[in-house]
């Protein structure tokens, strides 16, 4: 399963958060997936799809949405669960 995410922080920091979410059995798609019988934290991998120099949250979210659509990572095919509009226009 694939998950596409964006962050303004370092990739290392963000990956450590996903690992902690999994170890602490938090309720989010990534942690739930890696806490299933078939997977564990040791199965996590990361790949940088794009590096963005524009530090705009809006621009990063648009790019995230583009990659989710390109890679078809919305549930149930992937781990992304946010609605398209939530990515661009959050509450």
PDB file of N, CA and C in Angstrom:
ATOM      1  N   UNK A   1       0.849  -1.186   0.000  1.00  0.00           N
ATOM      2  CA  UNK A   1       0.000   0.000   0.000  1.00  0.00           C
ATOM      3  C   UNK A   1       0.886   1.237   0.000  1.00  0.00           C
ATOM      4  N   UNK A   2       0.390   2.271  -0.623  1.00  0.00           N
ATOM      5  CA  UNK A   2       1.160   3.507  -0.747  1.00  0.00           C
ATOM      6  C   UNK A   2       0.404   4.653  -0.082  1.00  0.00           C
ATOM      7  N   UNK A   3       1.163   5.535   0.543  1.00  0.00           N
ATOM      8  CA  UNK A   3       0.630   6.751   1.168  1.00  0.00           C
ATOM      9  C   UNK A   3       1.431   7.924   0.651  1.00  0.00           C
ATOM     10  N   UNK A   4       0.750   8.978   0.231  1.00  0.00           N
ATOM     11  CA  UNK A   4       1.404  10.203  -0.200  1.00  0.00           C
ATOM     12  C   UNK A   4       1.140  11.258   0.861  1.00  0.00           C
ATOM     13  N   UNK A   5       2.197  11.919   1.308  1.00  0.00           N
ATOM     14  CA  UNK A   5       2.047  12.971   2.303  1.00  0.00           C
ATOM     15  C   UNK A   5       2.994  14.114   2.017  1.00  0.00           C
ATOM     16  N   UNK A   6       2.662  15.263   2.561  1.00  0.00           N
ATOM     17  CA  UNK A   6       3.524  16.437   2.404  1.00  0.00           C
ATOM     18  C   UNK A   6       3.912  16.931   3.793  1.00  0.00           C
ATOM     19  N   UNK A   7       5.051  17.589   3.870  1.00  0.00           N
ATOM     20  CA  UNK A   7       5.483  18.163   5.133  1.00  0.00           C
ATOM     21  C   UNK A   7       6.426  19.323   4.878  1.00  0.00           C
ATOM     22  N   UNK A   8       6.410  20.280   5.786  1.00  0.00           N
ATOM     23  CA  UNK A   8       7.368  21.389   5.701  1.00  0.00           C
ATOM     24  C   UNK A   8       8.595  21.066   6.552  1.00  0.00           C
ATOM     25  N   UNK A   9       8.511  19.984   7.329  1.00  0.00           N
ATOM     26  CA  UNK A   9       9.618  19.578   8.197  1.00  0.00           C
ATOM     27  C   UNK A   9      10.531  18.602   7.483  1.00  0.00           C
ATOM     28  N   UNK A  10      11.558  18.166   8.174  1.00  0.00           N
ATOM     29  CA  UNK A  10      12.479  17.227   7.537  1.00  0.00           C
ATOM     30  C   UNK A  10      11.788  15.882   7.336  1.00  0.00           C
ATOM     31  N   UNK A  11      12.210  15.172   6.325  1.00  0.00           N
ATOM     32  CA  UNK A  11      11.654  13.862   6.028  1.00  0.00           C
ATOM     33  C   UNK A  11      11.914  12.910   7.193  1.00  0.00           C
ATOM     34  N   UNK A  12      13.080  12.991   7.789  1.00  0.00           N
ATOM     35  CA  UNK A  12      13.424  12.149   8.933  1.00  0.00           C
ATOM     36  C   UNK A  12      12.455  12.377  10.082  1.00  0.00           C
ATOM     37  N   UNK A  13      12.173  13.627  10.375  1.00  0.00           N
ATOM     38  CA  UNK A  13      11.251  13.962  11.460  1.00  0.00           C
ATOM     39  C   UNK A  13       9.855  13.408  11.181  1.00  0.00           C
ATOM     40  N   UNK A  14       9.386  13.562   9.961  1.00  0.00           N
ATOM     41  CA  UNK A  14       8.043  13.094   9.609  1.00  0.00           C
ATOM     42  C   UNK A  14       7.965  11.571   9.656  1.00  0.00           C
ATOM     43  N   UNK A  15       8.986  10.887   9.173  1.00  0.00           N
ATOM     44  CA  UNK A  15       8.995   9.431   9.207  1.00  0.00           C
ATOM     45  C   UNK A  15       9.002   8.929  10.652  1.00  0.00           C
ATOM     46  N   UNK A  16       9.748   9.596  11.523  1.00  0.00           N
ATOM     47  CA  UNK A  16       9.758   9.208  12.939  1.00  0.00           C
ATOM     48  C   UNK A  16       8.368   9.347  13.554  1.00  0.00           C
ATOM     49  N   UNK A  17       7.609  10.345  13.129  1.00  0.00           N
ATOM     50  CA  UNK A  17       6.237  10.501  13.624  1.00  0.00           C
ATOM     51  C   UNK A  17       5.361   9.326  13.174  1.00  0.00           C
ATOM     52  N   UNK A  18       5.499   8.917  11.922  1.00  0.00           N
ATOM     53  CA  UNK A  18       4.732   7.762  11.432  1.00  0.00           C
ATOM     54  C   UNK A  18       5.122   6.501  12.211  1.00  0.00           C
ATOM     55  N   UNK A  19       6.412   6.333  12.469  1.00  0.00           N
ATOM     56  CA  UNK A  19       6.864   5.176  13.234  1.00  0.00           C
ATOM     57  C   UNK A  19       6.307   5.211  14.658  1.00  0.00           C
ATOM     58  N   UNK A  20       6.321   6.380  15.292  1.00  0.00           N
ATOM     59  CA  UNK A  20       5.778   6.513  16.651  1.00  0.00           C
ATOM     60  C   UNK A  20       4.274   6.247  16.662  1.00  0.00           C
ATOM     61  N   UNK A  21       3.564   6.754  15.661  1.00  0.00           N
ATOM     62  CA  UNK A  21       2.127   6.491  15.559  1.00  0.00           C
ATOM     63  C   UNK A  21       1.868   4.988  15.508  1.00  0.00           C
ATOM     64  N   UNK A  22       2.702   4.277  14.782  1.00  0.00           N
ATOM     65  CA  UNK A  22       2.547   2.831  14.646  1.00  0.00           C
ATOM     66  C   UNK A  22       2.869   2.129  15.961  1.00  0.00           C
ATOM     67  N   UNK A  23       3.986   2.486  16.576  1.00  0.00           N
ATOM     68  CA  UNK A  23       4.370   1.858  17.848  1.00  0.00           C
ATOM     69  C   UNK A  23       3.329   2.088  18.942  1.00  0.00           C
ATOM     70  N   UNK A  24       2.693   3.257  18.934  1.00  0.00           N
ATOM     71  CA  UNK A  24       1.714   3.603  19.967  1.00  0.00           C
ATOM     72  C   UNK A  24       0.274   3.267  19.553  1.00  0.00           C
ATOM     73  N   UNK A  25       0.137   2.568  18.419  1.00  0.00           N
ATOM     74  CA  UNK A  25      -1.172   2.107  17.928  1.00  0.00           C
ATOM     75  C   UNK A  25      -2.188   3.249  17.825  1.00  0.00           C
ATOM     76  N   UNK A  26      -1.738   4.383  17.276  1.00  0.00           N
ATOM     77  CA  UNK A  26      -2.642   5.513  17.087  1.00  0.00           C
ATOM     78  C   UNK A  26      -3.601   5.220  15.942  1.00  0.00           C
ATOM     79  N   UNK A  27      -4.701   5.930  15.960  1.00  0.00           N
ATOM     80  CA  UNK A  27      -5.746   5.693  14.974  1.00  0.00           C
ATOM     81  C   UNK A  27      -5.554   6.600  13.765  1.00  0.00           C
ATOM     82  N   UNK A  28      -4.774   6.149  12.814  1.00  0.00           N
ATOM     83  CA  UNK A  28      -4.644   6.813  11.516  1.00  0.00           C
ATOM     84  C   UNK A  28      -4.294   5.738  10.492  1.00  0.00           C
ATOM     85  N   UNK A  29      -4.546   6.010   9.224  1.00  0.00           N
ATOM     86  CA  UNK A  29      -4.392   4.966   8.201  1.00  0.00           C
ATOM     87  C   UNK A  29      -3.001   4.328   8.142  1.00  0.00           C
ATOM     88  N   UNK A  30      -1.947   5.116   8.280  1.00  0.00           N
ATOM     89  CA  UNK A  30      -0.599   4.553   8.192  1.00  0.00           C
ATOM     90  C   UNK A  30      -0.342   3.616   9.371  1.00  0.00           C
ATOM     91  N   UNK A  31      -0.615   4.088  10.588  1.00  0.00           N
ATOM     92  CA  UNK A  31      -0.389   3.256  11.778  1.00  0.00           C
ATOM     93  C   UNK A  31      -1.242   1.995  11.745  1.00  0.00           C
ATOM     94  N   UNK A  32      -2.491   2.131  11.379  1.00  0.00           N
ATOM     95  CA  UNK A  32      -3.375   0.966  11.333  1.00  0.00           C
ATOM     96  C   UNK A  32      -2.887  -0.066  10.318  1.00  0.00           C
ATOM     97  N   UNK A  33      -2.408   0.410   9.176  1.00  0.00           N
ATOM     98  CA  UNK A  33      -1.893  -0.502   8.148  1.00  0.00           C
ATOM     99  C   UNK A  33      -0.665  -1.251   8.664  1.00  0.00           C
ATOM    100  N   UNK A  34       0.266  -0.533   9.260  1.00  0.00           N
ATOM    101  CA  UNK A  34       1.501  -1.177   9.702  1.00  0.00           C
ATOM    102  C   UNK A  34       1.345  -1.934  11.016  1.00  0.00           C
ATOM    103  N   UNK A  35       0.198  -1.833  11.642  1.00  0.00           N
ATOM    104  CA  UNK A  35      -0.095  -2.652  12.817  1.00  0.00           C
ATOM    105  C   UNK A  35      -0.939  -3.869  12.463  1.00  0.00           C
ATOM    106  N   UNK A  36      -1.213  -4.066  11.193  1.00  0.00           N
ATOM    107  CA  UNK A  36      -1.955  -5.257  10.780  1.00  0.00           C
ATOM    108  C   UNK A  36      -1.040  -6.472  10.893  1.00  0.00           C
ATOM    109  N   UNK A  37      -1.617  -7.646  10.780  1.00  0.00           N
ATOM    110  CA  UNK A  37      -0.832  -8.881  10.918  1.00  0.00           C
ATOM    111  C   UNK A  37       0.253  -9.016   9.856  1.00  0.00           C
ATOM    112  N   UNK A  38       0.006  -8.446   8.691  1.00  0.00           N
ATOM    113  CA  UNK A  38       0.939  -8.624   7.577  1.00  0.00           C
ATOM    114  C   UNK A  38       2.133  -7.671   7.610  1.00  0.00           C
ATOM    115  N   UNK A  39       2.091  -6.639   8.465  1.00  0.00           N
ATOM    116  CA  UNK A  39       3.126  -5.608   8.400  1.00  0.00           C
ATOM    117  C   UNK A  39       3.597  -5.188   9.775  1.00  0.00           C
ATOM    118  N   UNK A  40       4.725  -4.476   9.773  1.00  0.00           N
ATOM    119  CA  UNK A  40       5.272  -3.882  10.985  1.00  0.00           C
ATOM    120  C   UNK A  40       6.075  -2.657  10.615  1.00  0.00           C
ATOM    121  N   UNK A  41       6.562  -1.941  11.617  1.00  0.00           N
ATOM    122  CA  UNK A  41       7.355  -0.732  11.382  1.00  0.00           C
ATOM    123  C   UNK A  41       8.538  -1.024  10.467  1.00  0.00           C
ATOM    124  N   UNK A  42       9.100  -2.202  10.600  1.00  0.00           N
ATOM    125  CA  UNK A  42      10.269  -2.557   9.786  1.00  0.00           C
ATOM    126  C   UNK A  42       9.947  -2.628   8.294  1.00  0.00           C
ATOM    127  N   UNK A  43       8.663  -2.676   7.939  1.00  0.00           N
ATOM    128  CA  UNK A  43       8.260  -2.719   6.530  1.00  0.00           C
ATOM    129  C   UNK A  43       8.108  -1.330   5.911  1.00  0.00           C
ATOM    130  N   UNK A  44       8.179  -0.291   6.732  1.00  0.00           N
ATOM    131  CA  UNK A  44       8.011   1.071   6.212  1.00  0.00           C
ATOM    132  C   UNK A  44       9.177   1.444   5.305  1.00  0.00           C
ATOM    133  N   UNK A  45       8.851   2.159   4.251  1.00  0.00           N
ATOM    134  CA  UNK A  45       9.856   2.689   3.352  1.00  0.00           C
ATOM    135  C   UNK A  45       9.434   4.084   2.940  1.00  0.00           C
ATOM    136  N   UNK A  46      10.362   4.840   2.441  1.00  0.00           N
ATOM    137  CA  UNK A  46      10.056   6.213   2.050  1.00  0.00           C
ATOM    138  C   UNK A  46      10.749   6.528   0.733  1.00  0.00           C
ATOM    139  N   UNK A  47      10.087   7.351  -0.055  1.00  0.00           N
ATOM    140  CA  UNK A  47      10.626   7.786  -1.332  1.00  0.00           C
ATOM    141  C   UNK A  47      10.205   9.236  -1.542  1.00  0.00           C
ATOM    142  N   UNK A  48      11.142  10.098  -1.830  1.00  0.00           N
ATOM    143  CA  UNK A  48      10.815  11.495  -2.104  1.00  0.00           C
ATOM    144  C   UNK A  48      10.326  11.592  -3.544  1.00  0.00           C
ATOM    145  N   UNK A  49       9.110  12.083  -3.707  1.00  0.00           N
ATOM    146  CA  UNK A  49       8.535  12.223  -5.042  1.00  0.00           C
ATOM    147  C   UNK A  49       8.875  13.564  -5.660  1.00  0.00           C
ATOM    148  N   UNK A  50       8.947  14.593  -4.813  1.00  0.00           N
ATOM    149  CA  UNK A  50       9.204  15.931  -5.321  1.00  0.00           C
ATOM    150  C   UNK A  50       9.700  16.806  -4.172  1.00  0.00           C
ATOM    151  N   UNK A  51      10.676  17.619  -4.444  1.00  0.00           N
ATOM    152  CA  UNK A  51      11.146  18.603  -3.484  1.00  0.00           C
ATOM    153  C   UNK A  51      10.667  19.959  -3.963  1.00  0.00           C
ATOM    154  N   UNK A  52      10.035  20.692  -3.052  1.00  0.00           N
ATOM    155  CA  UNK A  52       9.441  21.974  -3.412  1.00  0.00           C
ATOM    156  C   UNK A  52      10.159  23.076  -2.652  1.00  0.00           C
ATOM    157  N   UNK A  53      10.614  24.090  -3.366  1.00  0.00           N
ATOM    158  CA  UNK A  53      11.310  25.195  -2.708  1.00  0.00           C
ATOM    159  C   UNK A  53      10.352  26.290  -2.258  1.00  0.00           C
ATOM    160  N   UNK A  54       9.166  26.334  -2.842  1.00  0.00           N
ATOM    161  CA  UNK A  54       8.137  27.280  -2.414  1.00  0.00           C
ATOM    162  C   UNK A  54       7.603  26.792  -1.068  1.00  0.00           C
ATOM    163  N   UNK A  55       7.686  27.611  -0.013  1.00  0.00           N
ATOM    164  CA  UNK A  55       7.288  27.138   1.305  1.00  0.00           C
ATOM    165  C   UNK A  55       5.811  27.398   1.629  1.00  0.00           C
ATOM    166  N   UNK A  56       4.993  27.587   0.623  1.00  0.00           N
ATOM    167  CA  UNK A  56       3.566  27.809   0.796  1.00  0.00           C
ATOM    168  C   UNK A  56       2.853  26.500   1.142  1.00  0.00           C
ATOM    169  N   UNK A  57       2.098  26.491   2.257  1.00  0.00           N
ATOM    170  CA  UNK A  57       1.317  25.307   2.630  1.00  0.00           C
ATOM    171  C   UNK A  57       0.342  24.939   1.514  1.00  0.00           C
ATOM    172  N   UNK A  58      -0.310  25.940   0.959  1.00  0.00           N
ATOM    173  CA  UNK A  58      -1.292  25.724  -0.097  1.00  0.00           C
ATOM    174  C   UNK A  58      -0.650  25.018  -1.294  1.00  0.00           C
ATOM    175  N   UNK A  59       0.507  25.491  -1.729  1.00  0.00           N
ATOM    176  CA  UNK A  59       1.189  24.903  -2.885  1.00  0.00           C
ATOM    177  C   UNK A  59       1.575  23.449  -2.598  1.00  0.00           C
ATOM    178  N   UNK A  60       2.101  23.178  -1.396  1.00  0.00           N
ATOM    179  CA  UNK A  60       2.451  21.800  -1.030  1.00  0.00           C
ATOM    180  C   UNK A  60       1.224  20.898  -1.054  1.00  0.00           C
ATOM    181  N   UNK A  61       0.096  21.393  -0.551  1.00  0.00           N
ATOM    182  CA  UNK A  61      -1.128  20.585  -0.531  1.00  0.00           C
ATOM    183  C   UNK A  61      -1.647  20.307  -1.948  1.00  0.00           C
ATOM    184  N   UNK A  62      -1.513  21.289  -2.824  1.00  0.00           N
ATOM    185  CA  UNK A  62      -1.900  21.078  -4.229  1.00  0.00           C
ATOM    186  C   UNK A  62      -1.021  19.996  -4.847  1.00  0.00           C
ATOM    187  N   UNK A  63       0.268  20.070  -4.600  1.00  0.00           N
ATOM    188  CA  UNK A  63       1.188  19.070  -5.147  1.00  0.00           C
ATOM    189  C   UNK A  63       0.902  17.687  -4.557  1.00  0.00           C
ATOM    190  N   UNK A  64       0.590  17.631  -3.262  1.00  0.00           N
ATOM    191  CA  UNK A  64       0.231  16.363  -2.635  1.00  0.00           C
ATOM    192  C   UNK A  64      -0.997  15.768  -3.335  1.00  0.00           C
ATOM    193  N   UNK A  65      -1.994  16.588  -3.540  1.00  0.00           N
ATOM    194  CA  UNK A  65      -3.209  16.136  -4.225  1.00  0.00           C
ATOM    195  C   UNK A  65      -2.889  15.611  -5.620  1.00  0.00           C
ATOM    196  N   UNK A  66      -2.011  16.315  -6.345  1.00  0.00           N
ATOM    197  CA  UNK A  66      -1.607  15.856  -7.678  1.00  0.00           C
ATOM    198  C   UNK A  66      -0.998  14.454  -7.617  1.00  0.00           C
ATOM    199  N   UNK A  67      -0.093  14.236  -6.660  1.00  0.00           N
ATOM    200  CA  UNK A  67       0.562  12.929  -6.542  1.00  0.00           C
ATOM    201  C   UNK A  67      -0.419  11.845  -6.111  1.00  0.00           C
ATOM    202  N   UNK A  68      -1.362  12.180  -5.226  1.00  0.00           N
ATOM    203  CA  UNK A  68      -2.389  11.210  -4.820  1.00  0.00           C
ATOM    204  C   UNK A  68      -3.184  10.769  -6.037  1.00  0.00           C
ATOM    205  N   UNK A  69      -3.524  11.719  -6.891  1.00  0.00           N
ATOM    206  CA  UNK A  69      -4.284  11.384  -8.100  1.00  0.00           C
ATOM    207  C   UNK A  69      -3.441  10.591  -9.091  1.00  0.00           C
ATOM    208  N   UNK A  70      -2.208  11.001  -9.307  1.00  0.00           N
ATOM    209  CA  UNK A  70      -1.326  10.312 -10.259  1.00  0.00           C
ATOM    210  C   UNK A  70      -1.082   8.865  -9.826  1.00  0.00           C
ATOM    211  N   UNK A  71      -0.786   8.675  -8.541  1.00  0.00           N
ATOM    212  CA  UNK A  71      -0.439   7.349  -8.039  1.00  0.00           C
ATOM    213  C   UNK A  71      -1.639   6.540  -7.552  1.00  0.00           C
ATOM    214  N   UNK A  72      -2.822   7.178  -7.589  1.00  0.00           N
ATOM    215  CA  UNK A  72      -4.065   6.510  -7.178  1.00  0.00           C
ATOM    216  C   UNK A  72      -3.936   5.901  -5.780  1.00  0.00           C
ATOM    217  N   UNK A  73      -3.590   6.756  -4.809  1.00  0.00           N
ATOM    218  CA  UNK A  73      -3.347   6.265  -3.449  1.00  0.00           C
ATOM    219  C   UNK A  73      -4.507   6.523  -2.491  1.00  0.00           C
ATOM    220  N   UNK A  74      -5.674   6.905  -3.032  1.00  0.00           N
ATOM    221  CA  UNK A  74      -6.839   7.047  -2.160  1.00  0.00           C
ATOM    222  C   UNK A  74      -7.327   5.664  -1.759  1.00  0.00           C
ATOM    223  N   UNK A  75      -7.821   5.554  -0.522  1.00  0.00           N
ATOM    224  CA  UNK A  75      -8.392   4.293  -0.048  1.00  0.00           C
ATOM    225  C   UNK A  75      -9.559   3.913  -0.961  1.00  0.00           C
ATOM    226  N   UNK A  76      -9.731   2.673  -1.270  1.00  0.00           N
ATOM    227  CA  UNK A  76      -9.089   1.507  -0.678  1.00  0.00           C
ATOM    228  C   UNK A  76      -7.822   1.047  -1.405  1.00  0.00           C
ATOM    229  N   UNK A  77      -7.456   1.690  -2.513  1.00  0.00           N
ATOM    230  CA  UNK A  77      -6.258   1.261  -3.254  1.00  0.00           C
ATOM    231  C   UNK A  77      -4.967   1.678  -2.549  1.00  0.00           C
ATOM    232  N   UNK A  78      -5.027   2.759  -1.775  1.00  0.00           N
ATOM    233  CA  UNK A  78      -3.870   3.253  -1.041  1.00  0.00           C
ATOM    234  C   UNK A  78      -4.283   3.644   0.359  1.00  0.00           C
ATOM    235  N   UNK A  79      -3.422   4.377   1.045  1.00  0.00           N
ATOM    236  CA  UNK A  79      -3.680   4.745   2.435  1.00  0.00           C
ATOM    237  C   UNK A  79      -4.174   6.172   2.606  1.00  0.00           C
ATOM    238  N   UNK A  80      -4.264   6.944   1.540  1.00  0.00           N
ATOM    239  CA  UNK A  80      -4.767   8.312   1.666  1.00  0.00           C
ATOM    240  C   UNK A  80      -6.278   8.298   1.814  1.00  0.00           C
ATOM    241  N   UNK A  81      -6.790   9.002   2.824  1.00  0.00           N
ATOM    242  CA  UNK A  81      -8.224   8.986   3.105  1.00  0.00           C
ATOM    243  C   UNK A  81      -8.862  10.360   3.060  1.00  0.00           C
ATOM    244  N   UNK A  82      -8.071  11.416   3.012  1.00  0.00           N
ATOM    245  CA  UNK A  82      -8.636  12.768   2.997  1.00  0.00           C
ATOM    246  C   UNK A  82      -9.371  13.016   1.689  1.00  0.00           C
ATOM    247  N   UNK A  83     -10.496  13.709   1.793  1.00  0.00           N
ATOM    248  CA  UNK A  83     -11.210  14.124   0.579  1.00  0.00           C
ATOM    249  C   UNK A  83     -10.352  15.154  -0.147  1.00  0.00           C
ATOM    250  N   UNK A  84     -10.469  15.212  -1.459  1.00  0.00           N
ATOM    251  CA  UNK A  84      -9.691  16.172  -2.253  1.00  0.00           C
ATOM    252  C   UNK A  84      -9.839  17.586  -1.722  1.00  0.00           C
ATOM    253  N   UNK A  85     -11.045  17.997  -1.408  1.00  0.00           N
ATOM    254  CA  UNK A  85     -11.255  19.367  -0.952  1.00  0.00           C
ATOM    255  C   UNK A  85     -10.627  19.616   0.411  1.00  0.00           C
ATOM    256  N   UNK A  86     -10.521  18.587   1.254  1.00  0.00           N
ATOM    257  CA  UNK A  86      -9.884  18.735   2.570  1.00  0.00           C
ATOM    258  C   UNK A  86      -8.393  19.034   2.432  1.00  0.00           C
ATOM    259  N   UNK A  87      -7.790  18.504   1.385  1.00  0.00           N
ATOM    260  CA  UNK A  87      -6.359  18.735   1.181  1.00  0.00           C
ATOM    261  C   UNK A  87      -6.088  20.190   0.804  1.00  0.00           C
ATOM    262  N   UNK A  88      -6.982  20.774   0.054  1.00  0.00           N
ATOM    263  CA  UNK A  88      -6.757  22.123  -0.474  1.00  0.00           C
ATOM    264  C   UNK A  88      -7.412  23.178   0.415  1.00  0.00           C
ATOM    265  N   UNK A  89      -8.614  22.891   0.913  1.00  0.00           N
ATOM    266  CA  UNK A  89      -9.353  23.860   1.715  1.00  0.00           C
ATOM    267  C   UNK A  89      -9.755  23.251   3.053  1.00  0.00           C
ATOM    268  N   UNK A  90      -8.784  23.088   3.969  1.00  0.00           N
ATOM    269  CA  UNK A  90      -9.117  22.473   5.265  1.00  0.00           C
ATOM    270  C   UNK A  90     -10.060  23.367   6.078  1.00  0.00           C
ATOM    271  N   UNK A  91     -10.724  22.750   7.073  1.00  0.00           N
ATOM    272  CA  UNK A  91     -11.647  23.503   7.935  1.00  0.00           C
ATOM    273  C   UNK A  91     -10.974  24.679   8.615  1.00  0.00           C
TER     274      UNK A  91
END
